[in-house]
Amino acid sequence: MKTWKQNAVNLHWLATLLTGSGEIAADVTVEAIAASDDPDAVFSAWMRAWSRRLVIARALTTVRKDLAASARRMALRRFEKPGTGAAFH
C-alpha cells in the first residue's frame, strides 16, 4: 500500500502533467488530499481511493478555458487554406 507521501507525489505529478503548471498542480493536489483527510477511517480510505479521479477532475477544471480555446483554434485551422492562413469553403 502506498504511503500518503508517495500518493501525494504521484498526484502532484499527474496534476502537473494535466495542467502544465507546477503551481496549479500543487493547489489541486492539496485540495484533493484535504478532501480525503477525514477522521472517519472508512470514509477516508474511500476518498484516498478516489483521490486520483479527484485530481484529474480538478486539474481539468482549472484548464477548461485553455482547452476550449485550443479546440477553437484547431477547428479554425481545418477551414484555412494550407500555407496561407486564409479561410476557404
N, C-alpha and C. Protein backbone atom coordinates (compact mmCIF):
# COMPACT_ATOMS: atom_id res chain seq x y z
N MET A 1 0.84 -1.18 0.00
CA MET A 1 0.00 0.00 0.00
C MET A 1 0.89 1.25 0.00
N LYS A 2 0.51 2.24 -0.79
CA LYS A 2 1.28 3.46 -0.88
C LYS A 2 1.13 4.30 0.38
N THR A 3 2.21 4.99 0.70
CA THR A 3 2.14 5.93 1.81
C THR A 3 1.49 7.22 1.31
N TRP A 4 1.07 8.05 2.25
CA TRP A 4 0.48 9.34 1.87
C TRP A 4 1.47 10.17 1.08
N LYS A 5 2.75 10.11 1.46
CA LYS A 5 3.76 10.91 0.77
C LYS A 5 3.91 10.44 -0.68
N GLN A 6 3.97 9.13 -0.90
CA GLN A 6 4.07 8.60 -2.26
C GLN A 6 2.83 8.98 -3.06
N ASN A 7 1.67 8.87 -2.43
CA ASN A 7 0.42 9.22 -3.10
C ASN A 7 0.41 10.69 -3.49
N ALA A 8 0.85 11.56 -2.59
CA ALA A 8 0.88 12.99 -2.87
C ALA A 8 1.83 13.30 -4.03
N VAL A 9 2.98 12.66 -4.05
CA VAL A 9 3.95 12.87 -5.14
C VAL A 9 3.34 12.44 -6.47
N ASN A 10 2.70 11.28 -6.48
CA ASN A 10 2.08 10.78 -7.71
C ASN A 10 0.94 11.69 -8.17
N LEU A 11 0.14 12.16 -7.23
CA LEU A 11 -0.98 13.04 -7.57
C LEU A 11 -0.46 14.37 -8.11
N HIS A 12 0.60 14.89 -7.49
CA HIS A 12 1.19 16.15 -7.97
C HIS A 12 1.73 15.98 -9.38
N TRP A 13 2.40 14.88 -9.65
CA TRP A 13 2.92 14.61 -10.99
C TRP A 13 1.78 14.59 -12.00
N LEU A 14 0.70 13.89 -11.67
CA LEU A 14 -0.46 13.79 -12.56
C LEU A 14 -1.06 15.17 -12.82
N ALA A 15 -1.24 15.95 -11.76
CA ALA A 15 -1.82 17.28 -11.91
C ALA A 15 -0.91 18.18 -12.74
N THR A 16 0.40 18.06 -12.57
CA THR A 16 1.35 18.85 -13.37
C THR A 16 1.26 18.45 -14.84
N LEU A 17 1.16 17.18 -15.10
CA LEU A 17 1.03 16.69 -16.47
C LEU A 17 -0.23 17.25 -17.12
N LEU A 18 -1.33 17.25 -16.39
CA LEU A 18 -2.61 17.69 -16.95
C LEU A 18 -2.72 19.21 -17.10
N THR A 19 -2.12 19.95 -16.17
CA THR A 19 -2.28 21.41 -16.20
C THR A 19 -1.10 22.13 -16.84
N GLY A 20 0.06 21.50 -16.83
CA GLY A 20 1.26 22.17 -17.35
C GLY A 20 1.81 23.21 -16.39
N SER A 21 1.31 23.23 -15.16
CA SER A 21 1.73 24.24 -14.20
C SER A 21 1.98 23.59 -12.84
N GLY A 22 3.20 23.73 -12.34
CA GLY A 22 3.51 23.19 -11.02
C GLY A 22 2.73 23.88 -9.91
N GLU A 23 2.49 25.18 -10.08
CA GLU A 23 1.75 25.94 -9.07
C GLU A 23 0.29 25.48 -9.00
N ILE A 24 -0.36 25.36 -10.16
CA ILE A 24 -1.74 24.88 -10.17
C ILE A 24 -1.79 23.45 -9.67
N ALA A 25 -0.82 22.64 -10.06
CA ALA A 25 -0.77 21.24 -9.64
C ALA A 25 -0.67 21.13 -8.12
N ALA A 26 0.12 22.01 -7.51
CA ALA A 26 0.24 21.98 -6.05
C ALA A 26 -1.10 22.29 -5.39
N ASP A 27 -1.80 23.31 -5.92
CA ASP A 27 -3.10 23.65 -5.36
C ASP A 27 -4.10 22.51 -5.51
N VAL A 28 -4.13 21.91 -6.69
CA VAL A 28 -5.05 20.80 -6.95
C VAL A 28 -4.74 19.62 -6.04
N THR A 29 -3.47 19.31 -5.88
CA THR A 29 -3.06 18.18 -5.04
C THR A 29 -3.44 18.42 -3.59
N VAL A 30 -3.18 19.61 -3.09
CA VAL A 30 -3.53 19.94 -1.70
C VAL A 30 -5.04 19.83 -1.50
N GLU A 31 -5.82 20.34 -2.46
CA GLU A 31 -7.28 20.24 -2.35
C GLU A 31 -7.74 18.79 -2.30
N ALA A 32 -7.17 17.96 -3.16
CA ALA A 32 -7.57 16.55 -3.20
C ALA A 32 -7.20 15.83 -1.91
N ILE A 33 -6.02 16.11 -1.40
CA ILE A 33 -5.58 15.46 -0.17
C ILE A 33 -6.40 15.96 1.01
N ALA A 34 -6.69 17.25 1.05
CA ALA A 34 -7.50 17.80 2.14
C ALA A 34 -8.91 17.21 2.12
N ALA A 35 -9.45 17.01 0.92
CA ALA A 35 -10.79 16.43 0.82
C ALA A 35 -10.81 14.98 1.28
N SER A 36 -9.68 14.29 1.17
CA SER A 36 -9.65 12.89 1.59
C SER A 36 -9.18 12.69 3.02
N ASP A 37 -8.85 13.77 3.70
CA ASP A 37 -8.39 13.68 5.08
C ASP A 37 -9.58 13.87 6.02
N ASP A 38 -10.24 12.77 6.33
CA ASP A 38 -11.44 12.78 7.16
C ASP A 38 -11.20 11.88 8.37
N PRO A 39 -11.66 12.28 9.54
CA PRO A 39 -11.43 11.44 10.73
C PRO A 39 -12.14 10.09 10.66
N ASP A 40 -13.19 9.97 9.88
CA ASP A 40 -13.89 8.70 9.72
C ASP A 40 -13.02 7.79 8.86
N ALA A 41 -12.47 6.75 9.44
CA ALA A 41 -11.49 5.88 8.76
C ALA A 41 -12.06 5.26 7.49
N VAL A 42 -13.31 4.84 7.51
CA VAL A 42 -13.90 4.20 6.34
C VAL A 42 -14.03 5.22 5.21
N PHE A 43 -14.54 6.38 5.53
CA PHE A 43 -14.70 7.42 4.51
C PHE A 43 -13.35 7.89 4.00
N SER A 44 -12.38 8.02 4.87
CA SER A 44 -11.04 8.46 4.48
C SER A 44 -10.40 7.46 3.51
N ALA A 45 -10.54 6.18 3.78
CA ALA A 45 -9.99 5.16 2.89
C ALA A 45 -10.66 5.22 1.52
N TRP A 46 -11.95 5.44 1.51
CA TRP A 46 -12.69 5.55 0.25
C TRP A 46 -12.22 6.77 -0.53
N MET A 47 -12.04 7.89 0.15
CA MET A 47 -11.60 9.11 -0.52
C MET A 47 -10.18 8.98 -1.05
N ARG A 48 -9.32 8.28 -0.34
CA ARG A 48 -7.96 8.06 -0.85
C ARG A 48 -8.03 7.30 -2.17
N ALA A 49 -8.93 6.34 -2.24
CA ALA A 49 -9.09 5.57 -3.47
C ALA A 49 -9.58 6.46 -4.62
N TRP A 50 -10.33 7.48 -4.30
CA TRP A 50 -10.88 8.38 -5.31
C TRP A 50 -10.00 9.61 -5.55
N SER A 51 -8.92 9.76 -4.82
CA SER A 51 -8.10 10.97 -4.92
C SER A 51 -7.55 11.17 -6.32
N ARG A 52 -7.20 10.11 -7.02
CA ARG A 52 -6.68 10.24 -8.39
C ARG A 52 -7.74 10.83 -9.31
N ARG A 53 -8.96 10.32 -9.20
CA ARG A 53 -10.05 10.85 -10.02
C ARG A 53 -10.34 12.31 -9.66
N LEU A 54 -10.26 12.60 -8.39
CA LEU A 54 -10.50 13.96 -7.92
C LEU A 54 -9.45 14.92 -8.48
N VAL A 55 -8.20 14.50 -8.48
CA VAL A 55 -7.13 15.33 -9.04
C VAL A 55 -7.36 15.55 -10.53
N ILE A 56 -7.73 14.50 -11.25
CA ILE A 56 -7.98 14.64 -12.69
C ILE A 56 -9.10 15.64 -12.93
N ALA A 57 -10.20 15.49 -12.22
CA ALA A 57 -11.34 16.38 -12.41
C ALA A 57 -10.98 17.83 -12.07
N ARG A 58 -10.31 18.03 -10.97
CA ARG A 58 -9.96 19.40 -10.57
C ARG A 58 -8.91 20.02 -11.49
N ALA A 59 -7.96 19.21 -11.94
CA ALA A 59 -6.94 19.72 -12.84
C ALA A 59 -7.56 20.14 -14.18
N LEU A 60 -8.42 19.31 -14.72
CA LEU A 60 -9.06 19.65 -15.99
C LEU A 60 -9.99 20.84 -15.85
N THR A 61 -10.61 20.98 -14.69
CA THR A 61 -11.46 22.14 -14.45
C THR A 61 -10.64 23.42 -14.47
N THR A 62 -9.44 23.38 -13.92
CA THR A 62 -8.61 24.58 -13.87
C THR A 62 -8.10 25.01 -15.24
N VAL A 63 -8.01 24.08 -16.18
CA VAL A 63 -7.51 24.43 -17.51
C VAL A 63 -8.62 24.37 -18.57
N ARG A 64 -9.86 24.33 -18.14
CA ARG A 64 -11.00 24.20 -19.07
C ARG A 64 -11.00 25.31 -20.12
N LYS A 65 -10.80 26.55 -19.73
CA LYS A 65 -10.82 27.66 -20.70
C LYS A 65 -9.70 27.51 -21.72
N ASP A 66 -8.52 27.12 -21.25
CA ASP A 66 -7.40 26.92 -22.17
C ASP A 66 -7.68 25.79 -23.16
N LEU A 67 -8.28 24.71 -22.68
CA LEU A 67 -8.63 23.58 -23.55
C LEU A 67 -9.66 24.00 -24.59
N ALA A 68 -10.66 24.77 -24.17
CA ALA A 68 -11.69 25.23 -25.09
C ALA A 68 -11.09 26.15 -26.15
N ALA A 69 -10.22 27.05 -25.74
CA ALA A 69 -9.57 27.96 -26.70
C ALA A 69 -8.72 27.18 -27.69
N SER A 70 -8.02 26.18 -27.22
CA SER A 70 -7.21 25.35 -28.10
C SER A 70 -8.09 24.59 -29.09
N ALA A 71 -9.20 24.07 -28.63
CA ALA A 71 -10.13 23.36 -29.51
C ALA A 71 -10.68 24.29 -30.59
N ARG A 72 -10.99 25.54 -30.21
CA ARG A 72 -11.48 26.51 -31.20
C ARG A 72 -10.41 26.82 -32.25
N ARG A 73 -9.16 27.00 -31.79
CA ARG A 73 -8.07 27.26 -32.74
C ARG A 73 -7.89 26.10 -33.71
N MET A 74 -7.96 24.89 -33.20
CA MET A 74 -7.80 23.72 -34.06
C MET A 74 -8.95 23.60 -35.05
N ALA A 75 -10.17 23.91 -34.61
CA ALA A 75 -11.32 23.86 -35.51
C ALA A 75 -11.18 24.90 -36.62
N LEU A 76 -10.68 26.08 -36.30
CA LEU A 76 -10.48 27.13 -37.31
C LEU A 76 -9.42 26.72 -38.32
N ARG A 77 -8.41 26.04 -37.88
CA ARG A 77 -7.33 25.63 -38.79
C ARG A 77 -7.83 24.66 -39.85
N ARG A 78 -8.85 23.90 -39.54
CA ARG A 78 -9.39 22.96 -40.53
C ARG A 78 -9.99 23.69 -41.72
N PHE A 79 -10.37 24.95 -41.53
CA PHE A 79 -11.02 25.72 -42.59
C PHE A 79 -10.08 26.71 -43.27
N GLU A 80 -8.80 26.66 -42.97
CA GLU A 80 -7.83 27.55 -43.59
C GLU A 80 -7.17 26.87 -44.79
N LYS A 81 -6.83 27.67 -45.79
CA LYS A 81 -6.07 27.14 -46.92
C LYS A 81 -4.67 26.83 -46.42
N PRO A 82 -4.13 25.70 -46.77
CA PRO A 82 -2.78 25.34 -46.33
C PRO A 82 -1.76 26.40 -46.73
N GLY A 83 -0.98 26.85 -45.76
CA GLY A 83 0.11 27.79 -46.00
C GLY A 83 -0.28 29.25 -46.09
N THR A 84 -1.57 29.58 -46.12
CA THR A 84 -1.98 30.98 -46.27
C THR A 84 -2.59 31.56 -45.01
N GLY A 85 -3.20 30.75 -44.22
CA GLY A 85 -3.90 31.24 -43.05
C GLY A 85 -5.26 31.80 -43.40
N ALA A 86 -5.57 31.86 -44.72
CA ALA A 86 -6.87 32.39 -45.15
C ALA A 86 -7.92 31.29 -45.15
N ALA A 87 -9.11 31.67 -44.76
CA ALA A 87 -10.20 30.69 -44.72
C ALA A 87 -10.68 30.40 -46.13
N PHE A 88 -11.12 29.16 -46.35
CA PHE A 88 -11.73 28.80 -47.62
C PHE A 88 -12.93 27.91 -47.34
N HIS A 89 -13.80 27.78 -48.31
CA HIS A 89 -15.04 26.99 -48.13
C HIS A 89 -15.09 25.86 -49.12
